[in-house]
Protein backbone atom coordinates (compact mmCIF):
# COMPACT_ATOMS: atom_id res chain seq x y z
CA MET A 1 22.02 -19.12 -17.67
CA GLN A 2 18.60 -19.53 -16.11
CA THR A 3 15.56 -18.45 -18.13
CA VAL A 4 12.11 -17.68 -16.69
CA ASP A 5 8.84 -16.46 -18.12
CA VAL A 6 8.42 -13.70 -15.54
CA LEU A 7 10.85 -12.07 -13.12
CA VAL A 8 9.24 -10.17 -10.24
CA VAL A 9 11.46 -7.61 -8.51
CA GLY A 10 10.25 -7.06 -4.94
CA ALA A 11 8.77 -9.51 -2.43
CA GLY A 12 6.17 -7.24 -0.92
CA LEU A 13 2.48 -8.01 -0.99
CA ALA A 14 2.05 -6.79 -4.58
CA GLY A 15 5.01 -8.73 -5.93
CA LEU A 16 4.25 -11.97 -4.12
CA SER A 17 0.54 -11.83 -5.01
CA THR A 18 1.35 -11.27 -8.69
CA ALA A 19 3.90 -14.10 -8.62
CA ARG A 20 1.41 -16.51 -7.06
CA LEU A 21 -1.26 -15.74 -9.63
CA LEU A 22 1.16 -16.08 -12.55
CA ALA A 23 2.66 -19.33 -11.28
CA GLY A 24 -0.85 -20.65 -10.79
CA ARG A 25 -1.40 -20.08 -14.53
CA GLY A 26 1.53 -22.34 -15.35
CA LEU A 27 4.22 -19.70 -15.97
CA SER A 28 7.74 -20.05 -14.62
CA VAL A 29 8.18 -17.21 -12.13
CA MET A 30 11.11 -15.98 -10.08
CA VAL A 31 10.86 -13.35 -7.32
CA VAL A 32 13.92 -11.51 -6.01
CA ASP A 33 14.23 -9.14 -3.07
CA ARG A 34 17.30 -7.51 -1.58
CA ARG A 35 16.10 -8.20 1.97
CA ARG A 36 17.42 -11.33 3.59
CA SER A 37 14.29 -11.65 5.72
CA LEU A 38 10.75 -10.48 4.97
CA SER A 39 10.37 -9.47 8.61
CA THR A 40 12.88 -6.63 8.09
CA GLY A 41 12.20 -3.38 6.29
CA VAL A 42 8.43 -3.41 6.90
CA ARG A 43 7.18 0.04 5.85
CA THR A 44 3.42 -0.16 6.33
CA THR A 45 1.20 -0.02 9.38
CA GLY A 46 -0.72 -2.95 7.94
CA ILE A 47 -4.24 -1.54 8.15
CA PHE A 48 -6.64 -3.66 6.11
CA VAL A 49 -10.03 -2.15 5.30
CA ARG A 50 -13.26 -4.11 5.37
CA ARG A 51 -13.57 -4.22 1.59
CA THR A 52 -10.18 -5.90 1.24
CA LEU A 53 -10.97 -8.51 3.87
CA ASP A 54 -14.32 -9.20 2.18
CA ASP A 55 -12.71 -9.75 -1.23
CA PHE A 56 -9.35 -11.36 -0.43
CA ASP A 57 -8.24 -14.28 1.69
CA VAL A 58 -6.17 -12.89 4.57
CA PRO A 59 -5.97 -15.51 7.36
CA ASP A 60 -7.79 -14.40 10.48
CA ARG A 61 -4.86 -15.47 12.68
CA LEU A 62 -2.71 -12.74 11.10
CA LEU A 63 -5.17 -9.98 11.97
CA GLY A 64 -5.89 -8.02 15.12
CA PRO A 65 -9.38 -7.30 16.46
CA GLY A 66 -11.90 -5.39 14.40
CA VAL A 67 -11.99 -1.60 14.71
CA ARG A 68 -15.34 0.19 14.41
CA ASP A 69 -14.60 3.58 15.99
CA VAL A 70 -12.63 6.40 14.40
CA LEU A 71 -11.87 9.52 16.43
CA LEU A 72 -10.84 12.59 14.44
CA TYR A 73 -9.01 15.25 16.46
CA PRO A 74 -8.27 18.89 15.66
CA PRO A 75 -4.84 20.34 16.55
CA SER A 76 -6.14 21.34 20.00
CA ARG A 77 -6.98 17.63 20.63
CA ARG A 78 -10.25 18.81 22.22
CA ALA A 79 -13.67 17.31 21.50
CA PRO A 80 -12.77 14.78 18.82
CA ILE A 81 -15.39 13.70 16.31
CA ARG A 82 -16.30 10.06 16.91
CA LEU A 83 -17.54 8.07 13.94
CA THR A 84 -18.85 4.58 14.67
CA SER A 85 -19.70 1.88 12.16
CA ASP A 86 -22.06 -1.01 12.78
CA ARG A 87 -19.44 -3.44 11.46
CA ASP A 88 -15.68 -3.96 11.66
CA GLU A 89 -14.09 -1.45 9.29
CA TYR A 90 -10.38 -1.94 9.97
CA ARG A 91 -8.07 -4.68 11.20
CA VAL A 92 -4.33 -4.31 11.68
CA ALA A 93 -2.20 -7.18 10.41
CA ASP A 94 1.11 -8.58 11.52
CA MET A 95 2.76 -7.62 8.23
CA ALA A 96 5.88 -9.73 8.68
CA ALA A 97 3.59 -12.75 9.05
CA VAL A 98 1.46 -11.59 6.09
CA TYR A 99 4.56 -11.40 3.88
CA GLU A 100 5.69 -14.84 4.99
CA HIS A 101 2.21 -16.24 4.31
CA ALA A 102 2.25 -14.65 0.84
CA ARG A 103 5.70 -16.08 0.19
CA ARG A 104 4.61 -19.60 1.09
CA ALA A 105 1.52 -19.23 -1.12
CA ALA A 106 3.65 -18.08 -4.06
CA GLU A 107 6.08 -20.95 -3.60
CA SER A 108 3.24 -23.46 -3.26
CA ALA A 109 1.91 -22.21 -6.61
CA GLY A 110 5.33 -22.86 -8.17
CA ALA A 111 7.13 -19.52 -7.96
CA ARG A 112 10.74 -19.41 -6.81
CA VAL A 113 11.48 -16.70 -4.21
CA LEU A 114 15.10 -15.59 -3.68
CA LEU A 115 15.97 -13.28 -0.79
CA GLY A 116 19.23 -11.39 -0.34
CA VAL A 117 19.38 -10.74 -4.10
CA ARG A 118 19.60 -7.11 -5.20
CA TYR A 119 18.31 -6.12 -8.61
CA VAL A 120 20.86 -4.14 -10.63
CA ASP A 121 19.35 -3.53 -14.08
CA THR A 122 17.57 -5.05 -17.05
CA THR A 123 18.25 -4.74 -20.76
CA MET A 124 16.41 -6.60 -23.52
CA GLY A 125 15.28 -9.36 -21.16
CA PHE A 126 18.72 -9.78 -19.59
CA VAL A 127 18.59 -9.03 -15.85
CA ARG A 128 21.61 -8.56 -13.61
CA PHE A 129 21.75 -8.92 -9.84
CA ALA A 130 24.15 -8.42 -6.97
CA GLY A 131 24.21 -11.68 -5.05
CA ALA A 132 23.08 -14.05 -7.81
CA GLU A 133 23.77 -15.03 -11.41
CA PRO A 134 21.93 -13.08 -14.12
CA VAL A 135 18.79 -14.46 -15.74
CA THR A 136 16.96 -13.99 -18.99
CA THR A 137 13.23 -13.41 -18.85
CA ARG A 138 10.31 -12.81 -21.16
CA PHE A 139 8.78 -10.20 -18.86
CA VAL A 140 9.75 -8.14 -15.79
CA VAL A 141 7.38 -7.01 -13.04
CA GLY A 142 8.48 -3.97 -11.06
CA ALA A 143 7.19 -4.42 -7.51
CA ASP A 144 10.17 -2.64 -6.03
CA GLY A 145 8.50 0.21 -4.20
CA ALA A 146 7.68 3.86 -4.56
CA ARG A 147 11.07 4.78 -6.06
CA SER A 148 11.18 1.90 -8.51
CA ARG A 149 14.43 1.25 -10.36
CA VAL A 150 12.63 -1.17 -12.65
CA ALA A 151 10.33 1.65 -13.80
CA ARG A 152 13.32 3.76 -14.83
CA ASP A 153 15.04 0.87 -16.61
CA LEU A 154 11.89 0.07 -18.58
CA GLY A 155 11.23 3.72 -19.46
CA LEU A 156 7.91 3.75 -17.61
CA ASP A 157 6.47 6.54 -15.47
CA VAL A 158 7.88 7.12 -12.00
CA ASN A 159 6.27 8.53 -8.86
CA ARG A 160 7.00 12.20 -8.23
CA ARG A 161 4.59 13.21 -5.46
CA PHE A 162 5.26 11.73 -2.04
CA LEU A 163 4.38 11.87 1.58
CA VAL A 164 6.93 10.47 3.99
CA GLY A 165 5.67 8.43 6.92
CA ALA A 166 7.17 7.02 10.08
CA GLU A 167 5.78 5.14 13.03
CA ILE A 168 6.68 3.55 16.31
CA VAL A 169 5.44 0.00 16.95
CA HIS A 170 5.60 -1.59 20.38
CA PRO A 171 3.88 -4.35 22.39
CA ILE A 172 1.00 -3.41 24.69
CA ALA A 173 -0.90 -5.13 27.47
CA SER A 174 -3.69 -6.93 25.62
CA GLY A 175 -7.38 -6.57 26.42
CA THR A 176 -7.05 -3.23 28.23
CA THR A 177 -9.17 -1.10 25.88
CA THR A 178 -11.59 -1.36 22.97
CA PRO A 179 -9.58 -0.87 19.76
CA ALA A 180 -10.10 2.46 18.06
CA PHE A 181 -8.45 4.42 15.25
CA HIS A 182 -7.26 7.84 16.50
CA CYS A 183 -6.50 10.38 13.75
CA VAL A 184 -5.05 13.82 14.48
CA LEU A 185 -5.29 16.57 11.86
CA ASP A 186 -2.42 18.87 12.86
CA PRO A 187 -0.09 20.39 10.24
CA ARG A 188 2.52 21.08 12.91
CA ILE A 189 3.22 17.36 13.22
CA ALA A 190 1.79 15.95 9.98
CA PRO A 191 1.63 18.62 7.23
CA GLY A 192 -0.69 17.42 4.49
CA TYR A 193 -1.75 14.25 6.26
CA LEU A 194 -2.40 12.86 9.77
CA GLY A 195 -0.95 11.58 12.97
CA TRP A 196 -2.44 8.24 13.99
CA VAL A 197 -2.70 5.71 16.78
CA ILE A 198 -4.15 2.23 16.28
CA ASP A 199 -3.46 -1.19 17.74
CA ASP A 200 -3.73 -4.79 16.58
CA GLY A 201 -4.53 -6.20 20.00
CA ARG A 202 -0.88 -6.93 20.68
CA HIS A 203 1.03 -3.94 19.34
CA ALA A 204 0.35 -0.21 19.24
CA HIS A 205 1.15 1.72 16.06
CA VAL A 206 1.85 5.44 16.57
CA GLY A 207 2.75 7.35 13.44
CA VAL A 208 2.87 10.56 11.47
CA ALA A 209 3.11 11.32 7.76
CA GLY A 210 3.28 14.48 5.70
CA TYR A 211 5.07 16.37 2.99
CA PRO A 212 8.80 16.20 3.72
CA ASN A 213 9.54 19.76 2.59
CA ALA A 214 7.15 21.03 5.28
CA MET A 215 8.71 18.94 8.08
CA ARG A 216 11.29 21.50 9.09
CA THR A 217 12.46 19.71 12.23
CA GLY A 218 12.53 16.29 10.59
CA ILE A 219 10.09 13.41 10.77
CA ARG A 220 11.84 11.58 13.60
CA HIS A 221 11.58 14.62 15.89
CA LEU A 222 7.93 15.15 14.95
CA LEU A 223 7.11 11.50 15.56
CA ASP A 224 8.74 11.50 18.99
CA ALA A 225 6.92 14.70 19.94
CA PHE A 226 3.59 13.26 18.80
CA ALA A 227 4.14 9.91 20.52
CA ALA A 228 4.83 11.61 23.85
CA ASP A 229 1.17 12.56 24.29
CA ALA A 230 -0.69 10.95 21.39
CA PRO A 231 -4.41 10.34 22.07
CA GLY A 232 -5.15 6.68 22.55
CA GLY A 233 -1.48 5.92 23.14
CA LYS A 234 -0.51 3.10 25.47
CA PRO A 235 2.76 2.58 27.34
CA PRO A 236 5.21 0.12 25.73
CA ALA A 237 5.23 -3.36 27.20
CA GLY A 238 8.37 -4.37 25.30
CA PRO A 239 10.90 -3.32 22.64
CA VAL A 240 10.09 -0.41 20.33
CA GLU A 241 10.40 -0.83 16.55
CA ARG A 242 10.62 2.07 14.10
CA ARG A 243 9.26 1.97 10.56
CA GLY A 244 9.17 4.51 7.79
CA GLY A 245 9.29 5.23 4.10
CA PRO A 246 7.90 7.24 1.18
CA ILE A 247 4.20 7.07 0.25
CA PRO A 248 3.28 7.97 -3.36
CA VAL A 249 0.14 10.11 -3.47
CA GLY A 250 0.04 11.30 -7.08
CA GLY A 251 -2.41 8.60 -8.09
CA VAL A 252 -1.89 5.65 -10.42
CA LEU A 253 0.82 6.40 -12.96
CA ARG A 254 -0.20 6.77 -16.59
CA ARG A 255 2.40 4.65 -18.40
CA LEU A 256 2.47 1.39 -16.46
CA ALA A 257 3.45 -1.20 -19.07
CA CYS A 258 5.64 -1.80 -22.10
CA LEU A 259 6.63 -4.86 -24.11
CA ALA A 260 9.32 -5.76 -21.58
CA GLY A 261 7.44 -5.36 -18.30
CA LEU A 262 4.96 -3.54 -16.09
CA LEU A 263 4.60 -2.07 -12.59
CA VAL A 264 2.50 -3.09 -9.59
CA GLY A 265 1.94 -1.81 -6.06
CA ASP A 266 3.68 1.36 -4.90
CA ALA A 267 5.86 1.28 -8.02
CA ALA A 268 2.67 1.85 -10.05
CA GLY A 269 1.40 4.58 -7.71
CA ALA A 270 -1.35 2.18 -6.63
CA VAL A 271 -2.10 4.08 -3.44
CA SER A 272 -5.26 5.99 -2.63
CA PRO A 273 -4.20 9.63 -3.11
CA LEU A 274 -6.48 10.78 -0.31
CA THR A 275 -6.13 8.19 2.45
CA ALA A 276 -2.66 6.93 1.40
CA GLY A 277 -3.89 3.35 1.79
CA GLY A 278 -2.01 0.91 -0.41
CA LEU A 279 -2.89 -2.65 0.63
CA ASP A 280 -6.25 -2.83 -1.12
CA PRO A 281 -4.94 -1.26 -4.38
CA CYS A 282 -1.91 -3.53 -4.52
CA LEU A 283 -4.03 -6.68 -4.31
CA ARG A 284 -6.53 -5.48 -6.91
CA MET A 285 -3.86 -4.35 -9.33
CA SER A 286 -1.97 -7.61 -8.85
CA GLU A 287 -5.02 -9.49 -10.16
CA LEU A 288 -5.22 -7.18 -13.15
CA ALA A 289 -1.47 -7.38 -13.79
CA ALA A 290 -1.42 -11.19 -13.66
CA ALA A 291 -4.33 -11.41 -16.13
CA VAL A 292 -2.66 -8.98 -18.54
CA ILE A 293 0.78 -10.61 -18.33
CA ALA A 294 -0.55 -14.13 -18.78
CA GLY A 295 -2.74 -13.03 -21.68
CA TYR A 296 0.11 -11.21 -23.37
CA LEU A 297 2.60 -14.07 -22.98
CA ARG A 298 -0.01 -16.58 -24.15
CA THR A 299 -1.02 -14.69 -27.29
CA GLY A 300 1.89 -12.37 -28.08
CA ASP A 301 -0.74 -9.72 -28.82
CA GLN A 302 0.64 -6.33 -27.80
CA ARG A 303 -2.87 -4.93 -27.58
CA VAL A 304 -3.40 -6.97 -24.43
CA LEU A 305 -0.90 -4.74 -22.62
CA SER A 306 -3.04 -1.69 -23.41
CA ARG A 307 -5.63 -3.08 -20.99
CA TYR A 308 -3.24 -2.21 -18.17
CA ASP A 309 -4.16 1.43 -18.56
CA GLY A 310 -3.16 3.96 -15.92
CA ASP A 311 -5.20 6.72 -17.56
CA ALA A 312 -8.38 4.67 -17.24
CA LEU A 313 -7.74 4.05 -13.55
CA ARG A 314 -6.87 7.70 -12.89
CA THR A 315 -10.26 8.85 -14.14
CA ARG A 316 -11.81 7.08 -11.14
CA PHE A 317 -9.57 9.09 -8.82
CA ARG A 318 -10.53 12.62 -9.86
CA GLY A 319 -12.43 13.37 -6.67
CA ARG A 320 -9.73 11.92 -4.44
CA LEU A 321 -6.96 13.78 -6.28
CA LEU A 322 -8.91 17.01 -5.77
CA LEU A 323 -9.36 16.28 -2.06
CA ARG A 324 -5.64 15.45 -1.84
CA ARG A 325 -4.86 18.98 -3.08
CA VAL A 326 -7.28 20.41 -0.51
CA PHE A 327 -5.68 18.31 2.23
CA ALA A 328 -2.21 19.45 1.15
CA GLY A 329 -3.31 23.07 1.51
CA ILE A 330 -4.09 22.73 5.24
CA ARG A 331 -0.85 24.16 6.57
CA SER A 332 -1.87 26.08 9.71
CA PRO A 333 -3.48 24.91 12.98
CA ALA A 334 -6.26 27.48 12.61
CA VAL A 335 -7.26 26.12 9.20
CA ALA A 336 -7.11 22.57 10.55
CA GLU A 337 -9.36 23.51 13.49
CA ALA A 338 -11.82 25.06 11.06
CA ALA A 339 -11.74 21.96 8.83
CA VAL A 340 -12.57 19.67 11.75
CA THR A 341 -15.31 22.07 12.86
CA ALA A 342 -16.81 21.86 9.37
CA LEU A 343 -16.94 18.08 9.72
CA ARG A 344 -19.01 18.25 12.90
CA GLY A 345 -22.23 19.01 11.04
CA ARG A 346 -24.46 16.41 9.46
CA ALA A 347 -23.05 16.85 5.95
CA GLY A 348 -19.48 16.90 7.23
CA ARG A 349 -19.91 13.73 9.25
CA ALA A 350 -21.50 12.02 6.25
CA LEU A 351 -18.51 13.00 4.08
CA ALA A 352 -16.03 11.80 6.71
CA ALA A 353 -17.90 8.49 7.11
CA ARG A 354 -17.95 8.00 3.36
CA ILE A 355 -14.18 8.49 3.17
CA LEU A 356 -13.37 6.37 6.21
CA PHE A 357 -16.01 3.63 5.91
CA GLY A 358 -16.93 3.67 2.22
CA ASP A 359 -16.21 1.01 -0.39
CA GLY A 360 -14.47 3.28 -2.88
CA SER A 361 -10.86 3.09 -1.73
CA PHE A 362 -9.77 1.81 -5.14
CA PRO A 363 -11.69 1.38 -8.40
CA GLU A 364 -12.91 -2.04 -9.40
CA VAL A 365 -11.06 -3.79 -12.19
CA ASP A 366 -13.05 -4.80 -15.27
CA PRO A 367 -13.84 -8.50 -14.61
CA ARG A 368 -13.42 -9.30 -18.30
CA LEU A 369 -9.68 -8.79 -17.87
CA THR A 370 -9.41 -11.87 -15.67
CA ASP A 371 -10.10 -14.03 -18.75
CA LEU A 372 -7.21 -12.69 -20.81
CA ALA A 373 -5.00 -15.56 -19.69
CA THR A 374 -7.34 -18.25 -20.99
CA GLY A 375 -8.78 -16.57 -24.06
CA ARG A 376 -12.30 -17.53 -22.96
CA PRO A 377 -14.98 -14.82 -23.12
CA HIS A 378 -16.20 -13.44 -19.81
CA ARG A 379 -19.69 -14.52 -18.80
């Protein structure tokens, strides 16, 4: 039976990033994912914010043109608020290519990535799969999405508050318009969140997300209705792809780690509760997770795991969790119109710009934690 130091369940960005960092520290790492191809089952629009691109190495060839303009529409779609930054704030990535790039980076660092292998369960370091022989491992990383089975098997916290999102992705004629991010606040099509249109220079992304219990006609019907006349929409120039999935918005979970494993990415609730952005949090938490795991496996000191503290991260989210509750309460077009009207003033525009263009999408990780793996003091 094969034995590894760390088994990572899930070959998304969080799982592959964690695997790469751990393998780079000399640990034997295996990644499994039930998908047979990383180009299938993509569930994210792939919007990277400026702060992420400043701090992490995402190859430019995988990214669309920079987006500086955000247009915020009320339900009537009249007189949108235009917010313009003096720098590129968003870029949309080809996520299938991003995943493949992350896979190659993990394998180059020494991790072994197995696709078409479905995780079944784990008990006392013994992990069973459908599609492969079982393995024994010193530590398990749950990177298996918002409804993590690893979290349940390890007795860790699980996400309980979700939006559900869906989008249509299709090719467009390139170079026809200046890229912009169109956001529609309309509870009839996106209760508790937004409808959006954005493009990566080659493909348009048209989507909606909201609380599923308020989507009485179903998300597919709402998405089709929105796409029919979405602002900033462009006619398809090729095949249409559909994406969708749950989005945890309850904030980082409190109990994220135990002696047998820990959670990263959506499994950990590492999604901004206000904007529902998850790419920046997953990369930052992957760095923290890799430092904690390597430090724990190096020393055997259980206190190291306490550094992976969901409660500490949640304290940085108090304002966003409050705004999430306010956002969730906008359930009528009249209230949504009033909310957009309130944002037209100077203070409102400043608040909107801070949310959309600010650097606080996810709290910084204590840099001292990056030295846990080596035992050297941080300087």
